[in-house]
């Protein structure tokens, strides 16, 4: 088993071609999954999460979820 080094915001910017504000906004909104962190700590991302985010078109906000109807 090999552990991969987590990616920083700067590394995600280089891979995705997006700016710092876009990457941080996506991480804050949940569109880009990040590793657990303390408040005011740096963001770190897995390669899989970044690849999935880029494949989705690098959204700033997560896709809206459909709400189910309550059974009457």
Protein backbone atom coordinates (compact mmCIF):
# COMPACT_ATOMS: atom_id res chain seq x y z
CA UNK A 1 0.00 0.00 0.00
CA UNK A 2 1.42 3.37 -0.97
CA UNK A 3 0.18 6.60 0.51
CA UNK A 4 0.06 9.56 -1.81
CA UNK A 5 1.03 13.04 -0.67
CA UNK A 6 -2.01 15.29 -0.18
CA UNK A 7 -2.30 18.24 -2.57
CA UNK A 8 -2.26 21.86 -1.41
CA UNK A 9 -4.35 24.70 -2.82
CA UNK A 10 -1.40 25.83 -4.97
CA UNK A 11 -0.99 22.33 -6.41
CA UNK A 12 -4.72 22.06 -7.17
CA UNK A 13 -4.52 25.46 -8.89
CA UNK A 14 -1.66 24.22 -11.08
CA UNK A 15 -3.45 20.99 -12.03
CA UNK A 16 -6.90 22.47 -12.63
CA UNK A 17 -5.98 25.85 -14.12
CA UNK A 18 -8.35 27.55 -11.67
CA UNK A 19 -7.54 30.44 -9.36
CA UNK A 20 -7.05 30.42 -5.62
CA UNK A 21 -10.46 31.96 -4.89
CA UNK A 22 -12.22 29.32 -7.01
CA UNK A 23 -10.40 26.42 -5.31
CA UNK A 24 -11.01 27.77 -1.80
CA UNK A 25 -14.68 28.56 -2.54
CA UNK A 26 -15.22 25.06 -3.90
CA UNK A 27 -13.60 23.56 -0.79
CA UNK A 28 -15.63 25.76 1.57
CA UNK A 29 -18.90 24.92 -0.20
CA UNK A 30 -18.24 21.17 -0.35
CA UNK A 31 -17.96 20.98 -4.15
CA UNK A 32 -14.29 20.00 -3.74
CA UNK A 33 -13.84 17.43 -0.99
CA UNK A 34 -10.92 18.11 1.34
CA UNK A 35 -9.26 16.18 4.12
CA UNK A 36 -10.47 16.87 7.68
CA UNK A 37 -8.90 19.98 9.17
CA UNK A 38 -9.14 22.39 12.08
CA UNK A 39 -10.67 25.81 11.49
CA UNK A 40 -8.05 28.26 10.19
CA UNK A 41 -5.84 25.36 9.07
CA UNK A 42 -4.62 24.77 5.52
CA UNK A 43 -6.68 22.80 3.00
CA UNK A 44 -5.36 19.47 1.76
CA UNK A 45 -6.95 17.37 -0.98
CA UNK A 46 -6.60 13.82 -2.29
CA UNK A 47 -5.75 13.26 -5.94
CA UNK A 48 -9.02 11.35 -6.39
CA UNK A 49 -11.09 14.24 -5.01
CA UNK A 50 -9.34 16.73 -7.31
CA UNK A 51 -9.78 14.47 -10.35
CA UNK A 52 -13.50 14.07 -9.58
CA UNK A 53 -13.90 17.84 -9.13
CA UNK A 54 -12.19 18.55 -12.47
CA UNK A 55 -14.32 15.88 -14.20
CA UNK A 56 -17.45 17.66 -12.91
CA UNK A 57 -16.28 20.91 -14.54
CA UNK A 58 -14.64 22.46 -11.45
CA UNK A 59 -17.88 23.80 -9.93
CA UNK A 60 -17.74 26.41 -7.19
CA UNK A 61 -20.89 25.05 -5.53
CA UNK A 62 -21.98 21.40 -5.18
CA UNK A 63 -24.73 20.12 -7.45
CA UNK A 64 -28.19 20.66 -5.97
CA UNK A 65 -29.71 17.63 -4.29
CA UNK A 66 -33.30 16.66 -5.02
CA UNK A 67 -35.46 16.53 -1.98
CA UNK A 68 -37.68 13.52 -1.63
CA UNK A 69 -41.39 13.88 -1.03
CA UNK A 70 -42.75 12.78 2.28
CA UNK A 71 -45.12 9.85 2.24
CA UNK A 72 -48.57 10.93 3.34
